[in-house]
Amino acid sequence: AVVVEAICDAVRRRSGEQVLPDEHEVRAERSGMPGAL
């Protein structure tokens, strides 16, 4: 798990993928709504 997570991180950085929250997640975060909702 330690090795695989480091490789996943390296692949993400290499490909420039950034996991950005979508608009609904940003609004929910601002409103204090729990993640499950």
All heavy atoms as atom14 arrays in JSON, in Angstrom:
{
  "sequence": "AVVVEAICDAVRRRSGEQVLPDEHEVRAERSGMPGAL",
  "atom14_mask": [
    [1, 1, 1, 1, 1, 0, 0, 0, 0, 0, 0, 0, 0, 0],
    [1, 1, 1, 1, 1, 1, 1, 0, 0, 0, 0, 0, 0, 0],
    [1, 1, 1, 1, 1, 1, 1, 0, 0, 0, 0, 0, 0, 0],
    [1, 1, 1, 1, 1, 1, 1, 0, 0, 0, 0, 0, 0, 0],
    [1, 1, 1, 1, 1, 1, 1, 1, 1, 0, 0, 0, 0, 0],
    [1, 1, 1, 1, 1, 0, 0, 0, 0, 0, 0, 0, 0, 0],
    [1, 1, 1, 1, 1, 1, 1, 1, 0, 0, 0, 0, 0, 0],
    [1, 1, 1, 1, 1, 1, 0, 0, 0, 0, 0, 0, 0, 0],
    [1, 1, 1, 1, 1, 1, 1, 1, 0, 0, 0, 0, 0, 0],
    [1, 1, 1, 1, 1, 0, 0, 0, 0, 0, 0, 0, 0, 0],
    [1, 1, 1, 1, 1, 1, 1, 0, 0, 0, 0, 0, 0, 0],
    [1, 1, 1, 1, 1, 1, 1, 1, 1, 1, 1, 0, 0, 0],
    [1, 1, 1, 1, 1, 1, 1, 1, 1, 1, 1, 0, 0, 0],
    [1, 1, 1, 1, 1, 1, 1, 1, 1, 1, 1, 0, 0, 0],
    [1, 1, 1, 1, 1, 1, 0, 0, 0, 0, 0, 0, 0, 0],
    [1, 1, 1, 1, 0, 0, 0, 0, 0, 0, 0, 0, 0, 0],
    [1, 1, 1, 1, 1, 1, 1, 1, 1, 0, 0, 0, 0, 0],
    [1, 1, 1, 1, 1, 1, 1, 1, 1, 0, 0, 0, 0, 0],
    [1, 1, 1, 1, 1, 1, 1, 0, 0, 0, 0, 0, 0, 0],
    [1, 1, 1, 1, 1, 1, 1, 1, 0, 0, 0, 0, 0, 0],
    [1, 1, 1, 1, 1, 1, 1, 0, 0, 0, 0, 0, 0, 0],
    [1, 1, 1, 1, 1, 1, 1, 1, 0, 0, 0, 0, 0, 0],
    [1, 1, 1, 1, 1, 1, 1, 1, 1, 0, 0, 0, 0, 0],
    [1, 1, 1, 1, 1, 1, 1, 1, 1, 1, 0, 0, 0, 0],
    [1, 1, 1, 1, 1, 1, 1, 1, 1, 0, 0, 0, 0, 0],
    [1, 1, 1, 1, 1, 1, 1, 0, 0, 0, 0, 0, 0, 0],
    [1, 1, 1, 1, 1, 1, 1, 1, 1, 1, 1, 0, 0, 0],
    [1, 1, 1, 1, 1, 0, 0, 0, 0, 0, 0, 0, 0, 0],
    [1, 1, 1, 1, 1, 1, 1, 1, 1, 0, 0, 0, 0, 0],
    [1, 1, 1, 1, 1, 1, 1, 1, 1, 1, 1, 0, 0, 0],
    [1, 1, 1, 1, 1, 1, 0, 0, 0, 0, 0, 0, 0, 0],
    [1, 1, 1, 1, 0, 0, 0, 0, 0, 0, 0, 0, 0, 0],
    [1, 1, 1, 1, 1, 1, 1, 1, 0, 0, 0, 0, 0, 0],
    [1, 1, 1, 1, 1, 1, 1, 0, 0, 0, 0, 0, 0, 0],
    [1, 1, 1, 1, 0, 0, 0, 0, 0, 0, 0, 0, 0, 0],
    [1, 1, 1, 1, 1, 0, 0, 0, 0, 0, 0, 0, 0, 0],
    [1, 1, 1, 1, 1, 1, 1, 1, 0, 0, 0, 0, 0, 0]
  ],
  "atom14_positions": [
    [[0.82, -1.22, 0.0], [0.0, 0.0, 0.0], [0.85, 1.26, 0.0], [0.52, 2.25, -0.67], [-0.95, 0.0, 1.2], [0.0, 0.0, 0.0], [0.0, 0.0, 0.0], [0.0, 0.0, 0.0], [0.0, 0.0, 0.0], [0.0, 0.0, 0.0], [0.0, 0.0, 0.0], [0.0, 0.0, 0.0], [0.0, 0.0, 0.0], [0.0, 0.0, 0.0]],
    [[1.98, 1.24, 0.71], [2.87, 2.4, 0.77], [3.49, 2.66, -0.6], [3.51, 3.79, -1.1], [3.97, 2.18, 1.84], [5.03, 3.26, 1.78], [3.34, 2.09, 3.23], [0.0, 0.0, 0.0], [0.0, 0.0, 0.0], [0.0, 0.0, 0.0], [0.0, 0.0, 0.0], [0.0, 0.0, 0.0], [0.0, 0.0, 0.0], [0.0, 0.0, 0.0]],
    [[4.0, 1.61, -1.23], [4.64, 1.73, -2.54], [3.61, 2.13, -3.59], [3.85, 3.06, -4.38], [5.33, 0.4, -2.93], [5.83, 0.45, -4.36], [6.46, 0.09, -1.96], [0.0, 0.0, 0.0], [0.0, 0.0, 0.0], [0.0, 0.0, 0.0], [0.0, 0.0, 0.0], [0.0, 0.0, 0.0], [0.0, 0.0, 0.0], [0.0, 0.0, 0.0]],
    [[2.48, 1.47, -3.6], [1.45, 1.74, -4.63], [0.94, 3.16, -4.51], [0.76, 3.85, -5.53], [0.31, 0.7, -4.54], [-0.87, 1.11, -5.38], [0.82, -0.67, -4.97], [0.0, 0.0, 0.0], [0.0, 0.0, 0.0], [0.0, 0.0, 0.0], [0.0, 0.0, 0.0], [0.0, 0.0, 0.0], [0.0, 0.0, 0.0], [0.0, 0.0, 0.0]],
    [[0.73, 3.65, -3.3], [0.24, 5.03, -3.14], [1.27, 6.04, -3.66], [0.91, 7.02, -4.31], [-0.12, 5.32, -1.69], [-0.69, 6.7, -1.48], [-1.88, 7.06, -2.38], [-2.74, 6.19, -2.62], [-1.96, 8.21, -2.85], [0.0, 0.0, 0.0], [0.0, 0.0, 0.0], [0.0, 0.0, 0.0], [0.0, 0.0, 0.0], [0.0, 0.0, 0.0]],
    [[2.55, 5.79, -3.41], [3.59, 6.7, -3.92], [3.63, 6.67, -5.45], [3.81, 7.71, -6.09], [4.95, 6.3, -3.35], [0.0, 0.0, 0.0], [0.0, 0.0, 0.0], [0.0, 0.0, 0.0], [0.0, 0.0, 0.0], [0.0, 0.0, 0.0], [0.0, 0.0, 0.0], [0.0, 0.0, 0.0], [0.0, 0.0, 0.0], [0.0, 0.0, 0.0]],
    [[3.43, 5.51, -6.04], [3.42, 5.41, -7.5], [2.17, 6.09, -8.06], [2.25, 6.8, -9.07], [3.55, 3.95, -7.95], [4.96, 3.44, -7.6], [3.27, 3.8, -9.44], [5.16, 1.97, -7.77], [0.0, 0.0, 0.0], [0.0, 0.0, 0.0], [0.0, 0.0, 0.0], [0.0, 0.0, 0.0], [0.0, 0.0, 0.0], [0.0, 0.0, 0.0]],
    [[1.03, 5.91, -7.42], [-0.19, 6.62, -7.85], [0.04, 8.12, -7.83], [-0.32, 8.83, -8.78], [-1.37, 6.28, -6.94], [-2.08, 4.64, -7.21], [0.0, 0.0, 0.0], [0.0, 0.0, 0.0], [0.0, 0.0, 0.0], [0.0, 0.0, 0.0], [0.0, 0.0, 0.0], [0.0, 0.0, 0.0], [0.0, 0.0, 0.0], [0.0, 0.0, 0.0]],
    [[0.65, 8.62, -6.75], [0.94, 10.05, -6.65], [1.86, 10.49, -7.79], [1.63, 11.53, -8.41], [1.59, 10.34, -5.3], [1.93, 11.81, -5.13], [0.98, 12.61, -5.0], [3.14, 12.15, -5.16], [0.0, 0.0, 0.0], [0.0, 0.0, 0.0], [0.0, 0.0, 0.0], [0.0, 0.0, 0.0], [0.0, 0.0, 0.0], [0.0, 0.0, 0.0]],
    [[2.88, 9.7, -8.08], [3.81, 10.04, -9.16], [3.11, 10.07, -10.51], [3.36, 10.95, -11.34], [4.98, 9.05, -9.18], [0.0, 0.0, 0.0], [0.0, 0.0, 0.0], [0.0, 0.0, 0.0], [0.0, 0.0, 0.0], [0.0, 0.0, 0.0], [0.0, 0.0, 0.0], [0.0, 0.0, 0.0], [0.0, 0.0, 0.0], [0.0, 0.0, 0.0]],
    [[2.24, 9.1, -10.76], [1.5, 9.06, -12.03], [0.59, 10.28, -12.14], [0.52, 10.9, -13.2], [0.71, 7.74, -12.15], [-0.29, 7.8, -13.29], [1.67, 6.57, -12.35], [0.0, 0.0, 0.0], [0.0, 0.0, 0.0], [0.0, 0.0, 0.0], [0.0, 0.0, 0.0], [0.0, 0.0, 0.0], [0.0, 0.0, 0.0], [0.0, 0.0, 0.0]],
    [[-0.09, 10.62, -11.05], [-0.96, 11.81, -11.08], [-0.16, 13.06, -11.39], [-0.57, 13.89, -12.2], [-1.66, 11.98, -9.74], [-2.8, 11.03, -9.52], [-3.51, 11.35, -8.19], [-3.92, 10.11, -7.59], [-3.49, 9.6, -6.46], [-2.62, 10.27, -5.72], [-3.93, 8.45, -6.02], [0.0, 0.0, 0.0], [0.0, 0.0, 0.0], [0.0, 0.0, 0.0]],
    [[0.97, 13.21, -10.73], [1.81, 14.4, -10.97], [2.32, 14.44, -12.4], [2.36, 15.5, -13.01], [2.98, 14.42, -10.0], [2.59, 14.72, -8.59], [3.79, 14.67, -7.69], [3.41, 14.74, -6.31], [3.96, 15.57, -5.44], [4.92, 16.39, -5.81], [3.57, 15.58, -4.19], [0.0, 0.0, 0.0], [0.0, 0.0, 0.0], [0.0, 0.0, 0.0]],
    [[2.71, 13.28, -12.9], [3.26, 13.21, -14.26], [2.21, 13.59, -15.3], [2.48, 14.29, -16.26], [3.8, 11.82, -14.55], [4.36, 11.68, -15.94], [4.92, 10.3, -16.13], [5.37, 10.13, -17.49], [5.17, 9.05, -18.19], [4.56, 8.01, -17.67], [5.6, 8.95, -19.42], [0.0, 0.0, 0.0], [0.0, 0.0, 0.0], [0.0, 0.0, 0.0]],
    [[1.01, 13.08, -15.1], [-0.03, 13.34, -16.1], [-0.73, 14.67, -15.87], [-1.6, 15.04, -16.65], [-1.04, 12.19, -16.11], [-1.66, 12.07, -14.86], [0.0, 0.0, 0.0], [0.0, 0.0, 0.0], [0.0, 0.0, 0.0], [0.0, 0.0, 0.0], [0.0, 0.0, 0.0], [0.0, 0.0, 0.0], [0.0, 0.0, 0.0], [0.0, 0.0, 0.0]],
    [[-0.37, 15.35, -14.79], [-0.95, 16.67, -14.54], [-2.4, 16.61, -14.12], [-3.1, 17.63, -14.14], [0.0, 0.0, 0.0], [0.0, 0.0, 0.0], [0.0, 0.0, 0.0], [0.0, 0.0, 0.0], [0.0, 0.0, 0.0], [0.0, 0.0, 0.0], [0.0, 0.0, 0.0], [0.0, 0.0, 0.0], [0.0, 0.0, 0.0], [0.0, 0.0, 0.0]],
    [[-2.87, 15.42, -13.76], [-4.25, 15.3, -13.33], [-4.4, 15.97, -11.97], [-3.61, 15.75, -11.06], [-4.65, 13.83, -13.18], [-4.63, 13.06, -14.44], [-4.84, 11.58, -14.19], [-5.19, 11.2, -13.07], [-4.64, 10.82, -15.14], [0.0, 0.0, 0.0], [0.0, 0.0, 0.0], [0.0, 0.0, 0.0], [0.0, 0.0, 0.0], [0.0, 0.0, 0.0]],
    [[-5.38, 16.8, -11.88], [-5.73, 17.39, -10.61], [-7.19, 17.05, -10.38], [-8.04, 17.34, -11.21], [-5.55, 18.9, -10.61], [-4.1, 19.31, -10.68], [-3.96, 20.81, -10.58], [-4.93, 21.53, -10.61], [-2.74, 21.26, -10.44], [0.0, 0.0, 0.0], [0.0, 0.0, 0.0], [0.0, 0.0, 0.0], [0.0, 0.0, 0.0], [0.0, 0.0, 0.0]],
    [[-7.43, 16.44, -9.27], [-8.81, 16.11, -8.95], [-9.43, 17.34, -8.32], [-9.13, 17.68, -7.18], [-8.88, 14.9, -7.99], [-10.31, 14.56, -7.66], [-8.16, 13.71, -8.6], [0.0, 0.0, 0.0], [0.0, 0.0, 0.0], [0.0, 0.0, 0.0], [0.0, 0.0, 0.0], [0.0, 0.0, 0.0], [0.0, 0.0, 0.0], [0.0, 0.0, 0.0]],
    [[-10.22, 18.02, -9.08], [-10.87, 19.23, -8.6], [-12.3, 18.91, -8.19], [-13.0, 18.16, -8.88], [-10.88, 20.3, -9.7], [-9.5, 20.74, -10.19], [-9.64, 21.7, -11.35], [-8.72, 21.38, -9.07], [0.0, 0.0, 0.0], [0.0, 0.0, 0.0], [0.0, 0.0, 0.0], [0.0, 0.0, 0.0], [0.0, 0.0, 0.0], [0.0, 0.0, 0.0]],
    [[-12.76, 19.48, -7.08], [-14.13, 19.22, -6.68], [-15.1, 19.83, -7.67], [-14.82, 20.87, -8.27], [-14.22, 19.91, -5.31], [-13.13, 20.92, -5.3], [-12.05, 20.4, -6.21], [0.0, 0.0, 0.0], [0.0, 0.0, 0.0], [0.0, 0.0, 0.0], [0.0, 0.0, 0.0], [0.0, 0.0, 0.0], [0.0, 0.0, 0.0], [0.0, 0.0, 0.0]],
    [[-16.24, 19.15, -7.86], [-17.21, 19.74, -8.76], [-18.0, 20.83, -8.03], [-17.88, 21.02, -6.82], [-18.11, 18.67, -9.38], [-19.06, 18.01, -8.39], [-19.38, 18.6, -7.34], [-19.49, 16.9, -8.68], [0.0, 0.0, 0.0], [0.0, 0.0, 0.0], [0.0, 0.0, 0.0], [0.0, 0.0, 0.0], [0.0, 0.0, 0.0], [0.0, 0.0, 0.0]],
    [[-18.82, 21.56, -8.74], [-19.54, 22.71, -8.21], [-20.41, 22.33, -7.01], [-20.48, 23.06, -6.03], [-20.4, 23.31, -9.33], [-21.1, 24.58, -8.93], [-21.9, 25.15, -10.09], [-21.68, 24.73, -11.24], [-22.75, 26.0, -9.81], [0.0, 0.0, 0.0], [0.0, 0.0, 0.0], [0.0, 0.0, 0.0], [0.0, 0.0, 0.0], [0.0, 0.0, 0.0]],
    [[-21.08, 21.18, -7.05], [-21.94, 20.75, -5.95], [-21.13, 20.52, -4.68], [-21.57, 20.87, -3.59], [-22.71, 19.48, -6.33], [-23.63, 19.66, -7.48], [-24.76, 20.45, -7.4], [-23.59, 19.18, -8.74], [-25.38, 20.43, -8.57], [-24.67, 19.66, -9.4], [0.0, 0.0, 0.0], [0.0, 0.0, 0.0], [0.0, 0.0, 0.0], [0.0, 0.0, 0.0]],
    [[-19.95, 19.92, -4.81], [-19.12, 19.66, -3.64], [-18.63, 20.96, -3.02], [-18.59, 21.09, -1.8], [-17.92, 18.78, -4.02], [-18.31, 17.36, -4.33], [-17.15, 16.53, -4.84], [-16.24, 17.09, -5.47], [-17.19, 15.32, -4.62], [0.0, 0.0, 0.0], [0.0, 0.0, 0.0], [0.0, 0.0, 0.0], [0.0, 0.0, 0.0], [0.0, 0.0, 0.0]],
    [[-18.28, 21.94, -3.85], [-17.82, 23.23, -3.34], [-18.94, 23.91, -2.57], [-18.74, 24.41, -1.46], [-17.3, 24.13, -4.49], [-17.04, 25.54, -3.99], [-16.05, 23.52, -5.11], [0.0, 0.0, 0.0], [0.0, 0.0, 0.0], [0.0, 0.0, 0.0], [0.0, 0.0, 0.0], [0.0, 0.0, 0.0], [0.0, 0.0, 0.0], [0.0, 0.0, 0.0]],
    [[-20.16, 23.94, -3.13], [-21.29, 24.56, -2.44], [-21.6, 23.86, -1.12], [-21.85, 24.49, -0.12], [-22.53, 24.54, -3.33], [-22.51, 25.61, -4.37], [-23.88, 25.75, -5.01], [-23.68, 26.16, -6.37], [-24.38, 25.76, -7.4], [-25.35, 24.91, -7.25], [-24.12, 26.2, -8.6], [0.0, 0.0, 0.0], [0.0, 0.0, 0.0], [0.0, 0.0, 0.0]],
    [[-21.59, 22.54, -1.14], [-21.88, 21.77, 0.07], [-20.82, 22.04, 1.14], [-21.14, 22.18, 2.31], [-21.95, 20.29, -0.25], [0.0, 0.0, 0.0], [0.0, 0.0, 0.0], [0.0, 0.0, 0.0], [0.0, 0.0, 0.0], [0.0, 0.0, 0.0], [0.0, 0.0, 0.0], [0.0, 0.0, 0.0], [0.0, 0.0, 0.0], [0.0, 0.0, 0.0]],
    [[-19.56, 22.12, 0.71], [-18.48, 22.4, 1.64], [-18.68, 23.75, 2.31], [-18.54, 23.9, 3.51], [-17.15, 22.38, 0.87], [-15.94, 22.49, 1.74], [-15.32, 21.14, 1.98], [-15.75, 20.14, 1.42], [-14.38, 21.11, 2.77], [0.0, 0.0, 0.0], [0.0, 0.0, 0.0], [0.0, 0.0, 0.0], [0.0, 0.0, 0.0], [0.0, 0.0, 0.0]],
    [[-19.04, 24.75, 1.52], [-19.26, 26.1, 2.06], [-20.44, 26.13, 3.01], [-20.46, 26.9, 3.96], [-19.49, 27.08, 0.91], [-18.23, 27.37, 0.14], [-18.48, 28.41, -0.92], [-17.33, 28.52, -1.79], [-17.39, 28.77, -3.08], [-18.54, 28.93, -3.68], [-16.3, 28.86, -3.79], [0.0, 0.0, 0.0], [0.0, 0.0, 0.0], [0.0, 0.0, 0.0]],
    [[-21.46, 25.31, 2.75], [-22.65, 25.32, 3.59], [-22.49, 24.48, 4.85], [-23.35, 24.48, 5.72], [-23.87, 24.82, 2.8], [-23.74, 23.43, 2.57], [0.0, 0.0, 0.0], [0.0, 0.0, 0.0], [0.0, 0.0, 0.0], [0.0, 0.0, 0.0], [0.0, 0.0, 0.0], [0.0, 0.0, 0.0], [0.0, 0.0, 0.0], [0.0, 0.0, 0.0]],
    [[-21.39, 23.72, 4.93], [-21.16, 22.88, 6.09], [-21.91, 21.56, 6.05], [-22.01, 20.86, 7.04], [0.0, 0.0, 0.0], [0.0, 0.0, 0.0], [0.0, 0.0, 0.0], [0.0, 0.0, 0.0], [0.0, 0.0, 0.0], [0.0, 0.0, 0.0], [0.0, 0.0, 0.0], [0.0, 0.0, 0.0], [0.0, 0.0, 0.0], [0.0, 0.0, 0.0]],
    [[-22.45, 21.19, 4.9], [-23.2, 19.95, 4.75], [-22.24, 18.77, 4.86], [-21.17, 18.79, 4.27], [-23.9, 19.93, 3.39], [-24.86, 18.77, 3.19], [-25.6, 18.77, 1.53], [-26.3, 20.39, 1.43], [0.0, 0.0, 0.0], [0.0, 0.0, 0.0], [0.0, 0.0, 0.0], [0.0, 0.0, 0.0], [0.0, 0.0, 0.0], [0.0, 0.0, 0.0]],
    [[-22.61, 17.71, 5.62], [-21.74, 16.53, 5.71], [-21.47, 15.92, 4.34], [-22.32, 15.97, 3.46], [-22.55, 15.56, 6.58], [-23.58, 16.39, 7.27], [-23.82, 17.59, 6.38], [0.0, 0.0, 0.0], [0.0, 0.0, 0.0], [0.0, 0.0, 0.0], [0.0, 0.0, 0.0], [0.0, 0.0, 0.0], [0.0, 0.0, 0.0], [0.0, 0.0, 0.0]],
    [[-20.27, 15.33, 4.21], [-19.84, 14.75, 2.93], [-20.81, 13.76, 2.34], [-21.0, 13.71, 1.14], [0.0, 0.0, 0.0], [0.0, 0.0, 0.0], [0.0, 0.0, 0.0], [0.0, 0.0, 0.0], [0.0, 0.0, 0.0], [0.0, 0.0, 0.0], [0.0, 0.0, 0.0], [0.0, 0.0, 0.0], [0.0, 0.0, 0.0], [0.0, 0.0, 0.0]],
    [[-21.45, 12.94, 3.15], [-22.37, 11.92, 2.63], [-23.6, 12.53, 1.99], [-24.27, 11.88, 1.19], [-22.79, 10.98, 3.77], [0.0, 0.0, 0.0], [0.0, 0.0, 0.0], [0.0, 0.0, 0.0], [0.0, 0.0, 0.0], [0.0, 0.0, 0.0], [0.0, 0.0, 0.0], [0.0, 0.0, 0.0], [0.0, 0.0, 0.0], [0.0, 0.0, 0.0]],
    [[-23.9, 13.76, 2.34], [-25.11, 14.41, 1.81], [-24.81, 15.37, 0.67], [-25.69, 16.08, 0.21], [-25.81, 15.18, 2.93], [-26.23, 14.34, 4.13], [-26.82, 15.24, 5.2], [-27.24, 13.28, 3.72], [0.0, 0.0, 0.0], [0.0, 0.0, 0.0], [0.0, 0.0, 0.0], [0.0, 0.0, 0.0], [0.0, 0.0, 0.0], [0.0, 0.0, 0.0]]
  ]
}
